Amino acid sequence: MKLSAIRIPCLDLGEAEAYYADLIGWSKMFGSVEAGHIGFGLDQVVVILEPEEAGEFEAGRYLGFSVEVPDIHQYYAAALARGVQFTGEPEKQPWGGIMTHITDCSGNSFSVIEGKDA
C-alpha cells in the first residue's frame, strides 16, 4: 500500500488554488474551480483541494499531515516573504527533526518538517 491522495477542505476554492500555487509553490496537475476540485502533485502523493462540506469535511482544522523540505529555515524565510502564514518559527523536535506549521487561507494547518537525516 501507499498513500495516494490527501484532501484539503477549502472555504473558497479559487482563493485556495492561488494560495497553494502562488504562495506555497505547489504544481497544479488537474481540476478547476468549475470542476469542484483542484489537484496538486507532490513527490509521491496528490493533494486535492475541494470545497468544504459542513459537518463532514470542514475547513479550519489541523490536517494531520507533514511535508518535508530539505532546508526548513530557507523554506520558512522564502515562504514568509511570499506571505505564507506560519504558527511559529521552525523548532528542533525531541525526535530529532525541525518543524513548523503552515496555516492556509481556509484556516487549515499542516506541518512542515526537515527530517533528522536531512
PDB file of N, CA and C in Angstrom:
ATOM      1  N   MET A   1       0.829  -1.188   0.000  1.00  0.00           N
ATOM      2  CA  MET A   1       0.000   0.000   0.000  1.00  0.00           C
ATOM      3  C   MET A   1       0.870   1.246   0.000  1.00  0.00           C
ATOM      4  N   LYS A   2       0.302   2.303  -0.544  1.00  0.00           N
ATOM      5  CA  LYS A   2       0.960   3.597  -0.477  1.00  0.00           C
ATOM      6  C   LYS A   2      -0.114   4.665  -0.354  1.00  0.00           C
ATOM      7  N   LEU A   3       0.233   5.764   0.227  1.00  0.00           N
ATOM      8  CA  LEU A   3      -0.681   6.898   0.318  1.00  0.00           C
ATOM      9  C   LEU A   3      -0.830   7.487  -1.076  1.00  0.00           C
ATOM     10  N   SER A   4      -2.062   7.645  -1.522  1.00  0.00           N
ATOM     11  CA  SER A   4      -2.324   8.104  -2.880  1.00  0.00           C
ATOM     12  C   SER A   4      -2.691   9.577  -2.947  1.00  0.00           C
ATOM     13  N   ALA A   5      -3.597  10.008  -2.061  1.00  0.00           N
ATOM     14  CA  ALA A   5      -4.072  11.389  -2.124  1.00  0.00           C
ATOM     15  C   ALA A   5      -4.446  11.895  -0.741  1.00  0.00           C
ATOM     16  N   ILE A   6      -4.330  13.195  -0.588  1.00  0.00           N
ATOM     17  CA  ILE A   6      -4.756  13.898   0.620  1.00  0.00           C
ATOM     18  C   ILE A   6      -5.753  14.950   0.177  1.00  0.00           C
ATOM     19  N   ARG A   7      -6.902  15.012   0.826  1.00  0.00           N
ATOM     20  CA  ARG A   7      -7.927  16.005   0.502  1.00  0.00           C
ATOM     21  C   ARG A   7      -7.878  17.139   1.530  1.00  0.00           C
ATOM     22  N   ILE A   8      -7.984  18.368   1.018  1.00  0.00           N
ATOM     23  CA  ILE A   8      -7.984  19.551   1.876  1.00  0.00           C
ATOM     24  C   ILE A   8      -9.293  20.306   1.658  1.00  0.00           C
ATOM     25  N   PRO A   9     -10.071  20.518   2.733  1.00  0.00           N
ATOM     26  CA  PRO A   9     -11.312  21.285   2.604  1.00  0.00           C
ATOM     27  C   PRO A   9     -11.010  22.776   2.506  1.00  0.00           C
ATOM     28  N   CYS A  10     -11.720  23.475   1.621  1.00  0.00           N
ATOM     29  CA  CYS A  10     -11.464  24.893   1.372  1.00  0.00           C
ATOM     30  C   CYS A  10     -12.741  25.709   1.488  1.00  0.00           C
ATOM     31  N   LEU A  11     -12.635  26.898   2.029  1.00  0.00           N
ATOM     32  CA  LEU A  11     -13.764  27.821   2.097  1.00  0.00           C
ATOM     33  C   LEU A  11     -14.032  28.451   0.738  1.00  0.00           C
ATOM     34  N   ASP A  12     -12.980  28.761   0.002  1.00  0.00           N
ATOM     35  CA  ASP A  12     -13.079  29.377  -1.321  1.00  0.00           C
ATOM     36  C   ASP A  12     -12.058  28.694  -2.215  1.00  0.00           C
ATOM     37  N   LEU A  13     -12.521  27.862  -3.133  1.00  0.00           N
ATOM     38  CA  LEU A  13     -11.636  27.045  -3.954  1.00  0.00           C
ATOM     39  C   LEU A  13     -10.699  27.886  -4.819  1.00  0.00           C
ATOM     40  N   GLY A  14     -11.176  28.983  -5.361  1.00  0.00           N
ATOM     41  CA  GLY A  14     -10.327  29.857  -6.171  1.00  0.00           C
ATOM     42  C   GLY A  14      -9.211  30.481  -5.358  1.00  0.00           C
ATOM     43  N   GLU A  15      -9.549  30.961  -4.182  1.00  0.00           N
ATOM     44  CA  GLU A  15      -8.543  31.540  -3.290  1.00  0.00           C
ATOM     45  C   GLU A  15      -7.526  30.479  -2.874  1.00  0.00           C
ATOM     46  N   ALA A  16      -8.009  29.278  -2.576  1.00  0.00           N
ATOM     47  CA  ALA A  16      -7.116  28.191  -2.162  1.00  0.00           C
ATOM     48  C   ALA A  16      -6.193  27.779  -3.304  1.00  0.00           C
ATOM     49  N   GLU A  17      -6.710  27.734  -4.526  1.00  0.00           N
ATOM     50  CA  GLU A  17      -5.869  27.399  -5.682  1.00  0.00           C
ATOM     51  C   GLU A  17      -4.713  28.388  -5.794  1.00  0.00           C
ATOM     52  N   ALA A  18      -5.014  29.669  -5.718  1.00  0.00           N
ATOM     53  CA  ALA A  18      -3.967  30.688  -5.805  1.00  0.00           C
ATOM     54  C   ALA A  18      -2.988  30.578  -4.631  1.00  0.00           C
ATOM     55  N   TYR A  19      -3.507  30.327  -3.442  1.00  0.00           N
ATOM     56  CA  TYR A  19      -2.665  30.221  -2.253  1.00  0.00           C
ATOM     57  C   TYR A  19      -1.650  29.087  -2.413  1.00  0.00           C
ATOM     58  N   TYR A  20      -2.137  27.897  -2.761  1.00  0.00           N
ATOM     59  CA  TYR A  20      -1.242  26.742  -2.847  1.00  0.00           C
ATOM     60  C   TYR A  20      -0.305  26.817  -4.050  1.00  0.00           C
ATOM     61  N   ALA A  21      -0.756  27.410  -5.143  1.00  0.00           N
ATOM     62  CA  ALA A  21       0.109  27.542  -6.320  1.00  0.00           C
ATOM     63  C   ALA A  21       1.118  28.675  -6.143  1.00  0.00           C
ATOM     64  N   ASP A  22       0.638  29.854  -5.782  1.00  0.00           N
ATOM     65  CA  ASP A  22       1.487  31.048  -5.759  1.00  0.00           C
ATOM     66  C   ASP A  22       2.296  31.205  -4.474  1.00  0.00           C
ATOM     67  N   LEU A  23       1.682  30.952  -3.325  1.00  0.00           N
ATOM     68  CA  LEU A  23       2.383  31.174  -2.064  1.00  0.00           C
ATOM     69  C   LEU A  23       3.139  29.938  -1.586  1.00  0.00           C
ATOM     70  N   ILE A  24       2.476  28.776  -1.641  1.00  0.00           N
ATOM     71  CA  ILE A  24       3.142  27.551  -1.191  1.00  0.00           C
ATOM     72  C   ILE A  24       4.093  27.037  -2.275  1.00  0.00           C
ATOM     73  N   GLY A  25       3.734  27.229  -3.543  1.00  0.00           N
ATOM     74  CA  GLY A  25       4.612  26.839  -4.641  1.00  0.00           C
ATOM     75  C   GLY A  25       4.393  25.438  -5.174  1.00  0.00           C
ATOM     76  N   TRP A  26       3.210  24.871  -4.930  1.00  0.00           N
ATOM     77  CA  TRP A  26       2.913  23.536  -5.438  1.00  0.00           C
ATOM     78  C   TRP A  26       2.513  23.612  -6.905  1.00  0.00           C
ATOM     79  N   SER A  27       2.741  22.529  -7.643  1.00  0.00           N
ATOM     80  CA  SER A  27       2.442  22.459  -9.072  1.00  0.00           C
ATOM     81  C   SER A  27       1.068  21.841  -9.310  1.00  0.00           C
ATOM     82  N   LYS A  28       0.217  22.601  -9.993  1.00  0.00           N
ATOM     83  CA  LYS A  28      -1.125  22.121 -10.300  1.00  0.00           C
ATOM     84  C   LYS A  28      -1.051  21.028 -11.355  1.00  0.00           C
ATOM     85  N   MET A  29      -1.829  19.948 -11.126  1.00  0.00           N
ATOM     86  CA  MET A  29      -1.868  18.829 -12.066  1.00  0.00           C
ATOM     87  C   MET A  29      -3.186  18.760 -12.827  1.00  0.00           C
ATOM     88  N   PHE A  30      -4.303  19.064 -12.148  1.00  0.00           N
ATOM     89  CA  PHE A  30      -5.600  18.893 -12.784  1.00  0.00           C
ATOM     90  C   PHE A  30      -6.673  19.675 -12.025  1.00  0.00           C
ATOM     91  N   GLY A  31      -7.850  19.732 -12.636  1.00  0.00           N
ATOM     92  CA  GLY A  31      -9.018  20.316 -11.992  1.00  0.00           C
ATOM     93  C   GLY A  31      -9.146  21.811 -12.200  1.00  0.00           C
ATOM     94  N   SER A  32     -10.266  22.331 -11.673  1.00  0.00           N
ATOM     95  CA  SER A  32     -10.560  23.755 -11.755  1.00  0.00           C
ATOM     96  C   SER A  32     -11.632  24.090 -10.724  1.00  0.00           C
ATOM     97  N   VAL A  33     -11.836  25.367 -10.539  1.00  0.00           N
ATOM     98  CA  VAL A  33     -12.903  25.807  -9.646  1.00  0.00           C
ATOM     99  C   VAL A  33     -14.235  25.274 -10.161  1.00  0.00           C
ATOM    100  N   GLU A  34     -14.433  25.360 -11.473  1.00  0.00           N
ATOM    101  CA  GLU A  34     -15.683  24.902 -12.083  1.00  0.00           C
ATOM    102  C   GLU A  34     -15.896  23.396 -11.894  1.00  0.00           C
ATOM    103  N   ALA A  35     -14.823  22.637 -11.921  1.00  0.00           N
ATOM    104  CA  ALA A  35     -14.917  21.187 -11.735  1.00  0.00           C
ATOM    105  C   ALA A  35     -15.172  20.816 -10.276  1.00  0.00           C
ATOM    106  N   GLY A  36     -14.872  21.742  -9.368  1.00  0.00           N
ATOM    107  CA  GLY A  36     -15.101  21.491  -7.942  1.00  0.00           C
ATOM    108  C   GLY A  36     -13.960  20.790  -7.240  1.00  0.00           C
ATOM    109  N   HIS A  37     -12.813  20.713  -7.888  1.00  0.00           N
ATOM    110  CA  HIS A  37     -11.627  20.129  -7.269  1.00  0.00           C
ATOM    111  C   HIS A  37     -10.389  20.569  -8.050  1.00  0.00           C
ATOM    112  N   ILE A  38      -9.278  20.666  -7.337  1.00  0.00           N
ATOM    113  CA  ILE A  38      -8.013  21.053  -7.945  1.00  0.00           C
ATOM    114  C   ILE A  38      -6.931  20.167  -7.343  1.00  0.00           C
ATOM    115  N   GLY A  39      -6.144  19.514  -8.185  1.00  0.00           N
ATOM    116  CA  GLY A  39      -5.107  18.613  -7.704  1.00  0.00           C
ATOM    117  C   GLY A  39      -3.718  19.169  -7.897  1.00  0.00           C
ATOM    118  N   PHE A  40      -2.905  18.988  -6.880  1.00  0.00           N
ATOM    119  CA  PHE A  40      -1.501  19.383  -6.911  1.00  0.00           C
ATOM    120  C   PHE A  40      -0.644  18.147  -6.709  1.00  0.00           C
ATOM    121  N   GLY A  41       0.436  18.045  -7.463  1.00  0.00           N
ATOM    122  CA  GLY A  41       1.322  16.903  -7.332  1.00  0.00           C
ATOM    123  C   GLY A  41       2.500  17.202  -6.435  1.00  0.00           C
ATOM    124  N   LEU A  42       2.637  16.408  -5.394  1.00  0.00           N
ATOM    125  CA  LEU A  42       3.840  16.436  -4.576  1.00  0.00           C
ATOM    126  C   LEU A  42       4.651  15.206  -4.971  1.00  0.00           C
ATOM    127  N   ASP A  43       5.729  14.953  -4.312  1.00  0.00           N
ATOM    128  CA  ASP A  43       6.648  13.900  -4.728  1.00  0.00           C
ATOM    129  C   ASP A  43       5.957  12.558  -4.979  1.00  0.00           C
ATOM    130  N   GLN A  44       5.246  12.034  -4.009  1.00  0.00           N
ATOM    131  CA  GLN A  44       4.633  10.719  -4.179  1.00  0.00           C
ATOM    132  C   GLN A  44       3.162  10.694  -3.776  1.00  0.00           C
ATOM    133  N   VAL A  45       2.531  11.848  -3.747  1.00  0.00           N
ATOM    134  CA  VAL A  45       1.124  11.927  -3.345  1.00  0.00           C
ATOM    135  C   VAL A  45       0.471  13.102  -4.067  1.00  0.00           C
ATOM    136  N   VAL A  46      -0.818  12.995  -4.277  1.00  0.00           N
ATOM    137  CA  VAL A  46      -1.590  14.081  -4.862  1.00  0.00           C
ATOM    138  C   VAL A  46      -2.362  14.766  -3.729  1.00  0.00           C
ATOM    139  N   VAL A  47      -2.348  16.086  -3.723  1.00  0.00           N
ATOM    140  CA  VAL A  47      -3.137  16.858  -2.766  1.00  0.00           C
ATOM    141  C   VAL A  47      -4.302  17.458  -3.536  1.00  0.00           C
ATOM    142  N   ILE A  48      -5.520  17.181  -3.072  1.00  0.00           N
ATOM    143  CA  ILE A  48      -6.719  17.625  -3.766  1.00  0.00           C
ATOM    144  C   ILE A  48      -7.458  18.649  -2.924  1.00  0.00           C
ATOM    145  N   LEU A  49      -7.623  19.853  -3.465  1.00  0.00           N
ATOM    146  CA  LEU A  49      -8.411  20.889  -2.819  1.00  0.00           C
ATOM    147  C   LEU A  49      -9.865  20.707  -3.239  1.00  0.00           C
ATOM    148  N   GLU A  50     -10.766  20.750  -2.273  1.00  0.00           N
ATOM    149  CA  GLU A  50     -12.193  20.605  -2.539  1.00  0.00           C
ATOM    150  C   GLU A  50     -12.969  21.542  -1.630  1.00  0.00           C
ATOM    151  N   PRO A  51     -14.174  21.953  -2.045  1.00  0.00           N
ATOM    152  CA  PRO A  51     -14.999  22.776  -1.152  1.00  0.00           C
ATOM    153  C   PRO A  51     -15.328  22.010   0.122  1.00  0.00           C
ATOM    154  N   GLU A  52     -15.358  22.727   1.234  1.00  0.00           N
ATOM    155  CA  GLU A  52     -15.706  22.069   2.487  1.00  0.00           C
ATOM    156  C   GLU A  52     -17.163  21.610   2.454  1.00  0.00           C
ATOM    157  N   GLU A  53     -17.468  20.626   3.271  1.00  0.00           N
ATOM    158  CA  GLU A  53     -18.823  20.118   3.444  1.00  0.00           C
ATOM    159  C   GLU A  53     -19.148  20.217   4.926  1.00  0.00           C
ATOM    160  N   ALA A  54     -20.076  21.091   5.263  1.00  0.00           N
ATOM    161  CA  ALA A  54     -20.422  21.330   6.666  1.00  0.00           C
ATOM    162  C   ALA A  54     -20.775  20.028   7.373  1.00  0.00           C
ATOM    163  N   GLY A  55     -20.198  19.846   8.558  1.00  0.00           N
ATOM    164  CA  GLY A  55     -20.484  18.694   9.381  1.00  0.00           C
ATOM    165  C   GLY A  55     -19.729  17.439   9.005  1.00  0.00           C
ATOM    166  N   GLU A  56     -19.030  17.456   7.876  1.00  0.00           N
ATOM    167  CA  GLU A  56     -18.360  16.234   7.443  1.00  0.00           C
ATOM    168  C   GLU A  56     -16.917  16.456   6.980  1.00  0.00           C
ATOM    169  N   PHE A  57     -16.688  17.517   6.235  1.00  0.00           N
ATOM    170  CA  PHE A  57     -15.375  17.779   5.639  1.00  0.00           C
ATOM    171  C   PHE A  57     -15.130  19.272   5.756  1.00  0.00           C
ATOM    172  N   GLU A  58     -14.935  19.727   6.992  1.00  0.00           N
ATOM    173  CA  GLU A  58     -14.889  21.161   7.275  1.00  0.00           C
ATOM    174  C   GLU A  58     -13.466  21.704   7.280  1.00  0.00           C
ATOM    175  N   ALA A  59     -13.358  22.941   6.857  1.00  0.00           N
ATOM    176  CA  ALA A  59     -12.092  23.671   6.887  1.00  0.00           C
ATOM    177  C   ALA A  59     -11.847  24.212   8.294  1.00  0.00           C
ATOM    178  N   GLY A  60     -10.617  24.678   8.516  1.00  0.00           N
ATOM    179  CA  GLY A  60     -10.288  25.341   9.770  1.00  0.00           C
ATOM    180  C   GLY A  60      -9.760  24.429  10.848  1.00  0.00           C
ATOM    181  N   ARG A  61      -9.030  23.394  10.477  1.00  0.00           N
ATOM    182  CA  ARG A  61      -8.514  22.447  11.467  1.00  0.00           C
ATOM    183  C   ARG A  61      -7.112  21.980  11.089  1.00  0.00           C
ATOM    184  N   TYR A  62      -6.471  21.311  12.031  1.00  0.00           N
ATOM    185  CA  TYR A  62      -5.190  20.683  11.731  1.00  0.00           C
ATOM    186  C   TYR A  62      -5.456  19.485  10.834  1.00  0.00           C
ATOM    187  N   LEU A  63      -4.730  19.396   9.718  1.00  0.00           N
ATOM    188  CA  LEU A  63      -5.000  18.375   8.712  1.00  0.00           C
ATOM    189  C   LEU A  63      -4.291  17.046   8.968  1.00  0.00           C
ATOM    190  N   GLY A  64      -3.311  17.038   9.836  1.00  0.00           N
ATOM    191  CA  GLY A  64      -2.688  15.784  10.227  1.00  0.00           C
ATOM    192  C   GLY A  64      -1.688  15.215   9.238  1.00  0.00           C
ATOM    193  N   PHE A  65      -1.066  16.057   8.421  1.00  0.00           N
ATOM    194  CA  PHE A  65      -0.005  15.566   7.548  1.00  0.00           C
ATOM    195  C   PHE A  65       1.169  16.536   7.578  1.00  0.00           C
ATOM    196  N   SER A  66       2.309  16.037   7.128  1.00  0.00           N
ATOM    197  CA  SER A  66       3.537  16.835   7.077  1.00  0.00           C
ATOM    198  C   SER A  66       4.125  16.781   5.680  1.00  0.00           C
ATOM    199  N   VAL A  67       4.713  17.890   5.253  1.00  0.00           N
ATOM    200  CA  VAL A  67       5.531  17.906   4.046  1.00  0.00           C
ATOM    201  C   VAL A  67       6.970  18.141   4.490  1.00  0.00           C
ATOM    202  N   GLU A  68       7.884  17.447   3.839  1.00  0.00           N
ATOM    203  CA  GLU A  68       9.289  17.562   4.201  1.00  0.00           C
ATOM    204  C   GLU A  68      10.019  18.418   3.179  1.00  0.00           C
ATOM    205  N   VAL A  69      10.846  19.302   3.678  1.00  0.00           N
ATOM    206  CA  VAL A  69      11.684  20.159   2.836  1.00  0.00           C
ATOM    207  C   VAL A  69      13.144  19.918   3.226  1.00  0.00           C
ATOM    208  N   PRO A  70      14.078  20.121   2.280  1.00  0.00           N
ATOM    209  CA  PRO A  70      15.487  19.844   2.590  1.00  0.00           C
ATOM    210  C   PRO A  70      16.108  20.834   3.570  1.00  0.00           C
ATOM    211  N   ASP A  71      15.693  22.098   3.521  1.00  0.00           N
ATOM    212  CA  ASP A  71      16.239  23.134   4.405  1.00  0.00           C
ATOM    213  C   ASP A  71      15.077  23.970   4.916  1.00  0.00           C
ATOM    214  N   ILE A  72      14.608  23.663   6.109  1.00  0.00           N
ATOM    215  CA  ILE A  72      13.396  24.300   6.626  1.00  0.00           C
ATOM    216  C   ILE A  72      13.593  25.793   6.882  1.00  0.00           C
ATOM    217  N   HIS A  73      14.768  26.189   7.285  1.00  0.00           N
ATOM    218  CA  HIS A  73      14.994  27.613   7.558  1.00  0.00           C
ATOM    219  C   HIS A  73      14.954  28.430   6.265  1.00  0.00           C
ATOM    220  N   GLN A  74      15.527  27.894   5.205  1.00  0.00           N
ATOM    221  CA  GLN A  74      15.475  28.558   3.903  1.00  0.00           C
ATOM    222  C   GLN A  74      14.030  28.597   3.392  1.00  0.00           C
ATOM    223  N   TYR A  75      13.326  27.469   3.493  1.00  0.00           N
ATOM    224  CA  TYR A  75      11.932  27.412   3.055  1.00  0.00           C
ATOM    225  C   TYR A  75      11.073  28.393   3.844  1.00  0.00           C
ATOM    226  N   TYR A  76      11.251  28.414   5.155  1.00  0.00           N
ATOM    227  CA  TYR A  76      10.480  29.300   6.034  1.00  0.00           C
ATOM    228  C   TYR A  76      10.676  30.759   5.643  1.00  0.00           C
ATOM    229  N   ALA A  77      11.915  31.179   5.456  1.00  0.00           N
ATOM    230  CA  ALA A  77      12.205  32.581   5.116  1.00  0.00           C
ATOM    231  C   ALA A  77      11.589  32.959   3.770  1.00  0.00           C
ATOM    232  N   ALA A  78      11.749  32.102   2.767  1.00  0.00           N
ATOM    233  CA  ALA A  78      11.214  32.393   1.430  1.00  0.00           C
ATOM    234  C   ALA A  78       9.684  32.402   1.443  1.00  0.00           C
ATOM    235  N   ALA A  79       9.063  31.434   2.113  1.00  0.00           N
ATOM    236  CA  ALA A  79       7.601  31.357   2.172  1.00  0.00           C
ATOM    237  C   ALA A  79       7.029  32.530   2.967  1.00  0.00           C
ATOM    238  N   LEU A  80       7.665  32.894   4.044  1.00  0.00           N
ATOM    239  CA  LEU A  80       7.224  34.037   4.850  1.00  0.00           C
ATOM    240  C   LEU A  80       7.257  35.308   4.006  1.00  0.00           C
ATOM    241  N   ALA A  81       8.300  35.476   3.201  1.00  0.00           N
ATOM    242  CA  ALA A  81       8.418  36.646   2.328  1.00  0.00           C
ATOM    243  C   ALA A  81       7.307  36.684   1.270  1.00  0.00           C
ATOM    244  N   ARG A  82       6.806  35.510   0.870  1.00  0.00           N
ATOM    245  CA  ARG A  82       5.701  35.440  -0.099  1.00  0.00           C
ATOM    246  C   ARG A  82       4.342  35.648   0.561  1.00  0.00           C
ATOM    247  N   GLY A  83       4.284  35.674   1.891  1.00  0.00           N
ATOM    248  CA  GLY A  83       3.029  35.899   2.589  1.00  0.00           C
ATOM    249  C   GLY A  83       2.410  34.665   3.217  1.00  0.00           C
ATOM    250  N   VAL A  84       3.135  33.538   3.232  1.00  0.00           N
ATOM    251  CA  VAL A  84       2.633  32.330   3.886  1.00  0.00           C
ATOM    252  C   VAL A  84       2.603  32.578   5.391  1.00  0.00           C
ATOM    253  N   GLN A  85       1.523  32.143   6.031  1.00  0.00           N
ATOM    254  CA  GLN A  85       1.393  32.292   7.482  1.00  0.00           C
ATOM    255  C   GLN A  85       1.813  31.004   8.177  1.00  0.00           C
ATOM    256  N   PHE A  86       2.638  31.153   9.191  1.00  0.00           N
ATOM    257  CA  PHE A  86       3.101  30.033   9.999  1.00  0.00           C
ATOM    258  C   PHE A  86       2.615  30.225  11.433  1.00  0.00           C
ATOM    259  N   THR A  87       2.532  29.125  12.176  1.00  0.00           N
ATOM    260  CA  THR A  87       2.147  29.224  13.583  1.00  0.00           C
ATOM    261  C   THR A  87       3.316  29.677  14.447  1.00  0.00           C
ATOM    262  N   GLY A  88       4.515  29.586  13.920  1.00  0.00           N
ATOM    263  CA  GLY A  88       5.712  29.999  14.642  1.00  0.00           C
ATOM    264  C   GLY A  88       6.942  29.634  13.838  1.00  0.00           C
ATOM    265  N   GLU A  89       8.089  30.003  14.357  1.00  0.00           N
ATOM    266  CA  GLU A  89       9.353  29.689  13.694  1.00  0.00           C
ATOM    267  C   GLU A  89       9.644  28.198  13.791  1.00  0.00           C
ATOM    268  N   PRO A  90      10.459  27.670  12.874  1.00  0.00           N
ATOM    269  CA  PRO A  90      10.853  26.263  12.961  1.00  0.00           C
ATOM    270  C   PRO A  90      11.573  25.991  14.282  1.00  0.00           C
ATOM    271  N   GLU A  91      11.235  24.849  14.892  1.00  0.00           N
ATOM    272  CA  GLU A  91      11.839  24.478  16.173  1.00  0.00           C
ATOM    273  C   GLU A  91      12.323  23.039  16.138  1.00  0.00           C
ATOM    274  N   LYS A  92      13.460  22.806  16.780  1.00  0.00           N
ATOM    275  CA  LYS A  92      14.008  21.451  16.935  1.00  0.00           C
ATOM    276  C   LYS A  92      13.025  20.626  17.765  1.00  0.00           C
ATOM    277  N   GLN A  93      12.785  19.381  17.330  1.00  0.00           N
ATOM    278  CA  GLN A  93      11.833  18.498  17.992  1.00  0.00           C
ATOM    279  C   GLN A  93      12.556  17.379  18.741  1.00  0.00           C
ATOM    280  N   PRO A  94      11.922  16.809  19.763  1.00  0.00           N
ATOM    281  CA  PRO A  94      12.542  15.718  20.526  1.00  0.00           C
ATOM    282  C   PRO A  94      12.921  14.508  19.669  1.00  0.00           C
ATOM    283  N   TRP A  95      12.237  14.304  18.545  1.00  0.00           N
ATOM    284  CA  TRP A  95      12.528  13.167  17.673  1.00  0.00           C
ATOM    285  C   TRP A  95      13.705  13.445  16.745  1.00  0.00           C
ATOM    286  N   GLY A  96      14.262  14.660  16.813  1.00  0.00           N
ATOM    287  CA  GLY A  96      15.480  14.971  16.080  1.00  0.00           C
ATOM    288  C   GLY A  96      15.316  15.881  14.883  1.00  0.00           C
ATOM    289  N   GLY A  97      14.100  16.041  14.380  1.00  0.00           N
ATOM    290  CA  GLY A  97      13.865  16.905  13.236  1.00  0.00           C
ATOM    291  C   GLY A  97      13.537  18.330  13.660  1.00  0.00           C
ATOM    292  N   ILE A  98      13.241  19.152  12.671  1.00  0.00           N
ATOM    293  CA  ILE A  98      12.858  20.544  12.898  1.00  0.00           C
ATOM    294  C   ILE A  98      11.475  20.713  12.268  1.00  0.00           C
ATOM    295  N   MET A  99      10.576  21.435  12.945  1.00  0.00           N
ATOM    296  CA  MET A  99       9.199  21.527  12.467  1.00  0.00           C
ATOM    297  C   MET A  99       8.581  22.898  12.721  1.00  0.00           C
ATOM    298  N   THR A 100       7.682  23.279  11.819  1.00  0.00           N
ATOM    299  CA  THR A 100       6.788  24.412  11.979  1.00  0.00           C
ATOM    300  C   THR A 100       5.461  24.015  11.323  1.00  0.00           C
ATOM    301  N   HIS A 101       4.486  24.907  11.363  1.00  0.00           N
ATOM    302  CA  HIS A 101       3.180  24.612  10.769  1.00  0.00           C
ATOM    303  C   HIS A 101       2.719  25.786   9.918  1.00  0.00           C
ATOM    304  N   ILE A 102       2.165  25.473   8.743  1.00  0.00           N
ATOM    305  CA  ILE A 102       1.556  26.469   7.865  1.00  0.00           C
ATOM    306  C   ILE A 102       0.072  26.540   8.173  1.00  0.00           C
ATOM    307  N   THR A 103      -0.473  27.752   8.172  1.00  0.00           N
ATOM    308  CA  THR A 103      -1.917  27.952   8.256  1.00  0.00           C
ATOM    309  C   THR A 103      -2.359  28.551   6.932  1.00  0.00           C
ATOM    310  N   ASP A 104      -3.266  27.843   6.228  1.00  0.00           N
ATOM    311  CA  ASP A 104      -3.663  28.293   4.894  1.00  0.00           C
ATOM    312  C   ASP A 104      -4.810  29.301   4.940  1.00  0.00           C
ATOM    313  N   CYS A 105      -5.281  29.703   3.773  1.00  0.00           N
ATOM    314  CA  CYS A 105      -6.301  30.742   3.656  1.00  0.00           C
ATOM    315  C   CYS A 105      -7.685  30.284   4.140  1.00  0.00           C
ATOM    316  N   SER A 106      -7.865  28.991   4.390  1.00  0.00           N
ATOM    317  CA  SER A 106      -9.124  28.469   4.917  1.00  0.00           C
ATOM    318  C   SER A 106      -9.025  28.140   6.403  1.00  0.00           C
ATOM    319  N   GLY A 107      -7.888  28.473   7.027  1.00  0.00           N
ATOM    320  CA  GLY A 107      -7.696  28.196   8.442  1.00  0.00           C
ATOM    321  C   GLY A 107      -7.216  26.783   8.734  1.00  0.00           C
ATOM    322  N   ASN A 108      -6.891  26.017   7.690  1.00  0.00           N
ATOM    323  CA  ASN A 108      -6.318  24.684   7.874  1.00  0.00           C
ATOM    324  C   ASN A 108      -4.841  24.829   8.210  1.00  0.00           C
ATOM    325  N   SER A 109      -4.306  23.859   8.924  1.00  0.00           N
ATOM    326  CA  SER A 109      -2.867  23.877   9.172  1.00  0.00           C
ATOM    327  C   SER A 109      -2.287  22.487   8.953  1.00  0.00           C
ATOM    328  N   PHE A 110      -1.015  22.471   8.577  1.00  0.00           N
ATOM    329  CA  PHE A 110      -0.264  21.226   8.404  1.00  0.00           C
ATOM    330  C   PHE A 110       1.193  21.508   8.722  1.00  0.00           C
ATOM    331  N   SER A 111       1.929  20.437   8.953  1.00  0.00           N
ATOM    332  CA  SER A 111       3.320  20.555   9.391  1.00  0.00           C
ATOM    333  C   SER A 111       4.279  20.638   8.204  1.00  0.00           C
ATOM    334  N   VAL A 112       5.345  21.369   8.422  1.00  0.00           N
ATOM    335  CA  VAL A 112       6.486  21.396   7.514  1.00  0.00           C
ATOM    336  C   VAL A 112       7.671  20.939   8.344  1.00  0.00           C
ATOM    337  N   ILE A 113       8.374  19.928   7.842  1.00  0.00           N
ATOM    338  CA  ILE A 113       9.483  19.380   8.617  1.00  0.00           C
ATOM    339  C   ILE A 113      10.763  19.313   7.810  1.00  0.00           C
ATOM    340  N   GLU A 114      11.862  19.313   8.527  1.00  0.00           N
ATOM    341  CA  GLU A 114      13.154  18.917   7.989  1.00  0.00           C
ATOM    342  C   GLU A 114      13.547  17.726   8.833  1.00  0.00           C
ATOM    343  N   GLY A 115      13.655  16.577   8.211  1.00  0.00           N
ATOM    344  CA  GLY A 115      13.941  15.342   8.943  1.00  0.00           C
ATOM    345  C   GLY A 115      15.292  15.349   9.610  1.00  0.00           C
ATOM    346  N   LYS A 116      15.461  14.460  10.564  1.00  0.00           N
ATOM    347  CA  LYS A 116      16.718  14.415  11.315  1.00  0.00           C
ATOM    348  C   LYS A 116      17.911  14.002  10.475  1.00  0.00           C
ATOM    349  N   ASP A 117      17.644  13.361   9.324  1.00  0.00           N
ATOM    350  CA  ASP A 117      18.745  12.940   8.450  1.00  0.00           C
ATOM    351  C   ASP A 117      18.951  13.918   7.282  1.00  0.00           C
ATOM    352  N   ALA A 118      18.156  14.976   7.223  1.00  0.00           N
ATOM    353  CA  ALA A 118      18.253  15.914   6.093  1.00  0.00           C
ATOM    354  C   ALA A 118      19.458  16.807   6.233  1.00  0.00           C
TER     355      ALA A 118
END
